[in-house]
Amino acid sequence: MYKIGDKIRIISMKGEDHYNGREGIIEYIDGLDQLHGTWGGLAIIPAEDLIEVINIEVLE
């Protein structure tokens, strides 16, 4: 599904419209499968929020 290093764009984040359109890199995926990264302070919840992968980065 999503991996650390994926570059994503937030299409819509439930209850947080000001995050719509932000882009960032996934830096961490927690035990609840929430995505944390460089787009701001909130985690993305894949079951509730709509995102798209726009570029996949390879981390070595």
PDB file of N, CA and C in Angstrom:
ATOM      1  N   MET A   1       0.846  -1.187   0.000  1.00  0.00           N
ATOM      2  CA  MET A   1       0.000   0.000   0.000  1.00  0.00           C
ATOM      3  C   MET A   1       0.888   1.246   0.000  1.00  0.00           C
ATOM      4  N   TYR A   2       0.989   1.937   1.107  1.00  0.00           N
ATOM      5  CA  TYR A   2       1.881   3.105   1.201  1.00  0.00           C
ATOM      6  C   TYR A   2       3.157   2.690   1.908  1.00  0.00           C
ATOM      7  N   LYS A   3       4.267   3.344   1.520  1.00  0.00           N
ATOM      8  CA  LYS A   3       5.559   2.997   2.095  1.00  0.00           C
ATOM      9  C   LYS A   3       6.296   4.266   2.528  1.00  0.00           C
ATOM     10  N   ILE A   4       7.181   4.111   3.488  1.00  0.00           N
ATOM     11  CA  ILE A   4       8.070   5.200   3.866  1.00  0.00           C
ATOM     12  C   ILE A   4       8.842   5.617   2.614  1.00  0.00           C
ATOM     13  N   GLY A   5       8.903   6.920   2.366  1.00  0.00           N
ATOM     14  CA  GLY A   5       9.584   7.433   1.192  1.00  0.00           C
ATOM     15  C   GLY A   5       8.643   7.813   0.063  1.00  0.00           C
ATOM     16  N   ASP A   6       7.380   7.340   0.101  1.00  0.00           N
ATOM     17  CA  ASP A   6       6.412   7.744  -0.923  1.00  0.00           C
ATOM     18  C   ASP A   6       6.129   9.234  -0.806  1.00  0.00           C
ATOM     19  N   LYS A   7       6.089   9.920  -1.950  1.00  0.00           N
ATOM     20  CA  LYS A   7       5.666  11.316  -1.984  1.00  0.00           C
ATOM     21  C   LYS A   7       4.165  11.320  -2.271  1.00  0.00           C
ATOM     22  N   ILE A   8       3.396  12.012  -1.428  1.00  0.00           N
ATOM     23  CA  ILE A   8       1.948  11.982  -1.552  1.00  0.00           C
ATOM     24  C   ILE A   8       1.374  13.400  -1.639  1.00  0.00           C
ATOM     25  N   ARG A   9       0.156  13.477  -2.148  1.00  0.00           N
ATOM     26  CA  ARG A   9      -0.621  14.716  -2.148  1.00  0.00           C
ATOM     27  C   ARG A   9      -1.920  14.417  -1.410  1.00  0.00           C
ATOM     28  N   ILE A  10      -2.294  15.295  -0.490  1.00  0.00           N
ATOM     29  CA  ILE A  10      -3.548  15.141   0.238  1.00  0.00           C
ATOM     30  C   ILE A  10      -4.673  15.704  -0.621  1.00  0.00           C
ATOM     31  N   ILE A  11      -5.626  14.852  -0.976  1.00  0.00           N
ATOM     32  CA  ILE A  11      -6.804  15.282  -1.733  1.00  0.00           C
ATOM     33  C   ILE A  11      -7.832  15.858  -0.755  1.00  0.00           C
ATOM     34  N   SER A  12      -8.114  15.118   0.308  1.00  0.00           N
ATOM     35  CA  SER A  12      -8.996  15.627   1.365  1.00  0.00           C
ATOM     36  C   SER A  12      -8.670  14.928   2.674  1.00  0.00           C
ATOM     37  N   MET A  13      -8.680  15.713   3.748  1.00  0.00           N
ATOM     38  CA  MET A  13      -8.436  15.198   5.084  1.00  0.00           C
ATOM     39  C   MET A  13      -9.666  15.527   5.921  1.00  0.00           C
ATOM     40  N   LYS A  14     -10.281  14.503   6.488  1.00  0.00           N
ATOM     41  CA  LYS A  14     -11.518  14.654   7.243  1.00  0.00           C
ATOM     42  C   LYS A  14     -11.376  15.709   8.345  1.00  0.00           C
ATOM     43  N   GLY A  15     -12.208  16.761   8.248  1.00  0.00           N
ATOM     44  CA  GLY A  15     -12.231  17.803   9.267  1.00  0.00           C
ATOM     45  C   GLY A  15     -11.074  18.794   9.217  1.00  0.00           C
ATOM     46  N   GLU A  16     -10.205  18.678   8.228  1.00  0.00           N
ATOM     47  CA  GLU A  16      -9.011  19.531   8.145  1.00  0.00           C
ATOM     48  C   GLU A  16      -8.834  20.032   6.711  1.00  0.00           C
ATOM     49  N   ASP A  17      -9.786  20.817   6.223  1.00  0.00           N
ATOM     50  CA  ASP A  17      -9.758  21.271   4.830  1.00  0.00           C
ATOM     51  C   ASP A  17      -8.492  22.041   4.466  1.00  0.00           C
ATOM     52  N   HIS A  18      -7.867  22.707   5.435  1.00  0.00           N
ATOM     53  CA  HIS A  18      -6.662  23.484   5.129  1.00  0.00           C
ATOM     54  C   HIS A  18      -5.469  22.600   4.760  1.00  0.00           C
ATOM     55  N   TYR A  19      -5.571  21.278   4.937  1.00  0.00           N
ATOM     56  CA  TYR A  19      -4.520  20.352   4.515  1.00  0.00           C
ATOM     57  C   TYR A  19      -4.690  19.927   3.062  1.00  0.00           C
ATOM     58  N   ASN A  20      -5.854  20.168   2.475  1.00  0.00           N
ATOM     59  CA  ASN A  20      -6.113  19.745   1.097  1.00  0.00           C
ATOM     60  C   ASN A  20      -5.095  20.374   0.148  1.00  0.00           C
ATOM     61  N   GLY A  21      -4.504  19.546  -0.701  1.00  0.00           N
ATOM     62  CA  GLY A  21      -3.518  20.015  -1.668  1.00  0.00           C
ATOM     63  C   GLY A  21      -2.080  19.973  -1.179  1.00  0.00           C
ATOM     64  N   ARG A  22      -1.870  19.775   0.104  1.00  0.00           N
ATOM     65  CA  ARG A  22      -0.489  19.707   0.611  1.00  0.00           C
ATOM     66  C   ARG A  22       0.204  18.451   0.103  1.00  0.00           C
ATOM     67  N   GLU A  23       1.495  18.558  -0.058  1.00  0.00           N
ATOM     68  CA  GLU A  23       2.316  17.432  -0.489  1.00  0.00           C
ATOM     69  C   GLU A  23       3.397  17.174   0.543  1.00  0.00           C
ATOM     70  N   GLY A  24       3.869  15.950   0.582  1.00  0.00           N
ATOM     71  CA  GLY A  24       4.947  15.620   1.497  1.00  0.00           C
ATOM     72  C   GLY A  24       5.430  14.198   1.303  1.00  0.00           C
ATOM     73  N   ILE A  25       6.430  13.843   2.088  1.00  0.00           N
ATOM     74  CA  ILE A  25       7.048  12.519   2.039  1.00  0.00           C
ATOM     75  C   ILE A  25       6.651  11.763   3.301  1.00  0.00           C
ATOM     76  N   ILE A  26       6.233  10.513   3.132  1.00  0.00           N
ATOM     77  CA  ILE A  26       5.914   9.670   4.289  1.00  0.00           C
ATOM     78  C   ILE A  26       7.212   9.319   4.997  1.00  0.00           C
ATOM     79  N   GLU A  27       7.293   9.682   6.273  1.00  0.00           N
ATOM     80  CA  GLU A  27       8.495   9.418   7.065  1.00  0.00           C
ATOM     81  C   GLU A  27       8.315   8.278   8.064  1.00  0.00           C
ATOM     82  N   TYR A  28       7.065   8.009   8.451  1.00  0.00           N
ATOM     83  CA  TYR A  28       6.809   7.028   9.501  1.00  0.00           C
ATOM     84  C   TYR A  28       5.383   6.520   9.354  1.00  0.00           C
ATOM     85  N   ILE A  29       5.176   5.226   9.574  1.00  0.00           N
ATOM     86  CA  ILE A  29       3.850   4.621   9.607  1.00  0.00           C
ATOM     87  C   ILE A  29       3.716   3.966  10.972  1.00  0.00           C
ATOM     88  N   ASP A  30       2.735   4.418  11.761  1.00  0.00           N
ATOM     89  CA  ASP A  30       2.621   3.916  13.131  1.00  0.00           C
ATOM     90  C   ASP A  30       1.849   2.596  13.193  1.00  0.00           C
ATOM     91  N   GLY A  31       1.668   2.080  14.391  1.00  0.00           N
ATOM     92  CA  GLY A  31       1.009   0.796  14.606  1.00  0.00           C
ATOM     93  C   GLY A  31      -0.453   0.757  14.205  1.00  0.00           C
ATOM     94  N   LEU A  32      -1.071   1.930  14.021  1.00  0.00           N
ATOM     95  CA  LEU A  32      -2.463   2.016  13.568  1.00  0.00           C
ATOM     96  C   LEU A  32      -2.545   2.278  12.068  1.00  0.00           C
ATOM     97  N   ASP A  33      -1.410   2.174  11.375  1.00  0.00           N
ATOM     98  CA  ASP A  33      -1.278   2.431   9.937  1.00  0.00           C
ATOM     99  C   ASP A  33      -1.539   3.886   9.556  1.00  0.00           C
ATOM    100  N   GLN A  34      -1.406   4.802  10.512  1.00  0.00           N
ATOM    101  CA  GLN A  34      -1.500   6.229  10.217  1.00  0.00           C
ATOM    102  C   GLN A  34      -0.165   6.688   9.637  1.00  0.00           C
ATOM    103  N   LEU A  35      -0.259   7.596   8.666  1.00  0.00           N
ATOM    104  CA  LEU A  35       0.930   8.073   7.967  1.00  0.00           C
ATOM    105  C   LEU A  35       1.391   9.399   8.556  1.00  0.00           C
ATOM    106  N   HIS A  36       2.669   9.507   8.839  1.00  0.00           N
ATOM    107  CA  HIS A  36       3.272  10.716   9.373  1.00  0.00           C
ATOM    108  C   HIS A  36       4.346  11.174   8.401  1.00  0.00           C
ATOM    109  N   GLY A  37       4.435  12.492   8.182  1.00  0.00           N
ATOM    110  CA  GLY A  37       5.437  12.950   7.235  1.00  0.00           C
ATOM    111  C   GLY A  37       5.590  14.457   7.204  1.00  0.00           C
ATOM    112  N   THR A  38       6.090  14.953   6.079  1.00  0.00           N
ATOM    113  CA  THR A  38       6.542  16.338   5.956  1.00  0.00           C
ATOM    114  C   THR A  38       5.450  17.321   5.544  1.00  0.00           C
ATOM    115  N   TRP A  39       4.191  16.938   5.499  1.00  0.00           N
ATOM    116  CA  TRP A  39       3.104  17.828   5.067  1.00  0.00           C
ATOM    117  C   TRP A  39       2.548  18.680   6.190  1.00  0.00           C
ATOM    118  N   GLY A  40       2.941  18.413   7.428  1.00  0.00           N
ATOM    119  CA  GLY A  40       2.428  19.196   8.555  1.00  0.00           C
ATOM    120  C   GLY A  40       2.351  18.327   9.795  1.00  0.00           C
ATOM    121  N   GLY A  41       1.649  18.792  10.792  1.00  0.00           N
ATOM    122  CA  GLY A  41       1.643  18.121  12.083  1.00  0.00           C
ATOM    123  C   GLY A  41       0.693  16.958  12.249  1.00  0.00           C
ATOM    124  N   LEU A  42      -0.290  16.798  11.382  1.00  0.00           N
ATOM    125  CA  LEU A  42      -1.290  15.758  11.576  1.00  0.00           C
ATOM    126  C   LEU A  42      -0.959  14.495  10.802  1.00  0.00           C
ATOM    127  N   ALA A  43      -1.376  13.365  11.373  1.00  0.00           N
ATOM    128  CA  ALA A  43      -1.221  12.081  10.691  1.00  0.00           C
ATOM    129  C   ALA A  43      -2.368  11.890   9.707  1.00  0.00           C
ATOM    130  N   ILE A  44      -2.085  11.212   8.620  1.00  0.00           N
ATOM    131  CA  ILE A  44      -3.110  10.837   7.650  1.00  0.00           C
ATOM    132  C   ILE A  44      -3.644   9.469   8.046  1.00  0.00           C
ATOM    133  N   ILE A  45      -4.963   9.346   8.047  1.00  0.00           N
ATOM    134  CA  ILE A  45      -5.620   8.074   8.338  1.00  0.00           C
ATOM    135  C   ILE A  45      -6.147   7.539   7.008  1.00  0.00           C
ATOM    136  N   PRO A  46      -5.459   6.560   6.414  1.00  0.00           N
ATOM    137  CA  PRO A  46      -5.852   6.102   5.078  1.00  0.00           C
ATOM    138  C   PRO A  46      -7.301   5.653   4.957  1.00  0.00           C
ATOM    139  N   ALA A  47      -7.906   5.141   6.031  1.00  0.00           N
ATOM    140  CA  ALA A  47      -9.300   4.696   5.966  1.00  0.00           C
ATOM    141  C   ALA A  47     -10.287   5.865   5.901  1.00  0.00           C
ATOM    142  N   GLU A  48      -9.840   7.069   6.305  1.00  0.00           N
ATOM    143  CA  GLU A  48     -10.736   8.232   6.351  1.00  0.00           C
ATOM    144  C   GLU A  48     -10.329   9.355   5.405  1.00  0.00           C
ATOM    145  N   ASP A  49      -9.050   9.485   5.129  1.00  0.00           N
ATOM    146  CA  ASP A  49      -8.537  10.590   4.323  1.00  0.00           C
ATOM    147  C   ASP A  49      -8.218  10.102   2.912  1.00  0.00           C
ATOM    148  N   LEU A  50      -8.285  11.021   1.949  1.00  0.00           N
ATOM    149  CA  LEU A  50      -8.015  10.671   0.558  1.00  0.00           C
ATOM    150  C   LEU A  50      -6.690  11.290   0.134  1.00  0.00           C
ATOM    151  N   ILE A  51      -5.766  10.423  -0.277  1.00  0.00           N
ATOM    152  CA  ILE A  51      -4.456  10.887  -0.741  1.00  0.00           C
ATOM    153  C   ILE A  51      -4.099  10.150  -2.027  1.00  0.00           C
ATOM    154  N   GLU A  52      -3.097  10.693  -2.728  1.00  0.00           N
ATOM    155  CA  GLU A  52      -2.569   9.996  -3.893  1.00  0.00           C
ATOM    156  C   GLU A  52      -1.054  10.014  -3.834  1.00  0.00           C
ATOM    157  N   VAL A  53      -0.451   8.937  -4.303  1.00  0.00           N
ATOM    158  CA  VAL A  53       1.004   8.876  -4.420  1.00  0.00           C
ATOM    159  C   VAL A  53       1.364   9.592  -5.710  1.00  0.00           C
ATOM    160  N   ILE A  54       2.255  10.586  -5.617  1.00  0.00           N
ATOM    161  CA  ILE A  54       2.623  11.352  -6.817  1.00  0.00           C
ATOM    162  C   ILE A  54       4.037  11.046  -7.286  1.00  0.00           C
ATOM    163  N   ASN A  55       4.821  10.421  -6.424  1.00  0.00           N
ATOM    164  CA  ASN A  55       6.182  10.042  -6.794  1.00  0.00           C
ATOM    165  C   ASN A  55       6.686   9.108  -5.715  1.00  0.00           C
ATOM    166  N   ILE A  56       7.285   8.029  -6.099  1.00  0.00           N
ATOM    167  CA  ILE A  56       7.800   7.079  -5.108  1.00  0.00           C
ATOM    168  C   ILE A  56       9.313   7.241  -5.028  1.00  0.00           C
ATOM    169  N   GLU A  57       9.791   7.574  -3.841  1.00  0.00           N
ATOM    170  CA  GLU A  57      11.217   7.750  -3.595  1.00  0.00           C
ATOM    171  C   GLU A  57      11.787   6.443  -3.069  1.00  0.00           C
ATOM    172  N   VAL A  58      12.988   6.142  -3.436  1.00  0.00           N
ATOM    173  CA  VAL A  58      13.652   4.935  -2.939  1.00  0.00           C
ATOM    174  C   VAL A  58      14.625   5.370  -1.846  1.00  0.00           C
ATOM    175  N   LEU A  59      14.448   4.796  -0.660  1.00  0.00           N
ATOM    176  CA  LEU A  59      15.359   5.083   0.452  1.00  0.00           C
ATOM    177  C   LEU A  59      16.352   3.944   0.557  1.00  0.00           C
ATOM    178  N   GLU A  60      17.604   4.290   0.744  1.00  0.00           N
ATOM    179  CA  GLU A  60      18.638   3.269   0.879  1.00  0.00           C
ATOM    180  C   GLU A  60      19.184   3.266   2.283  1.00  0.00           C
TER     181      GLU A  60
END
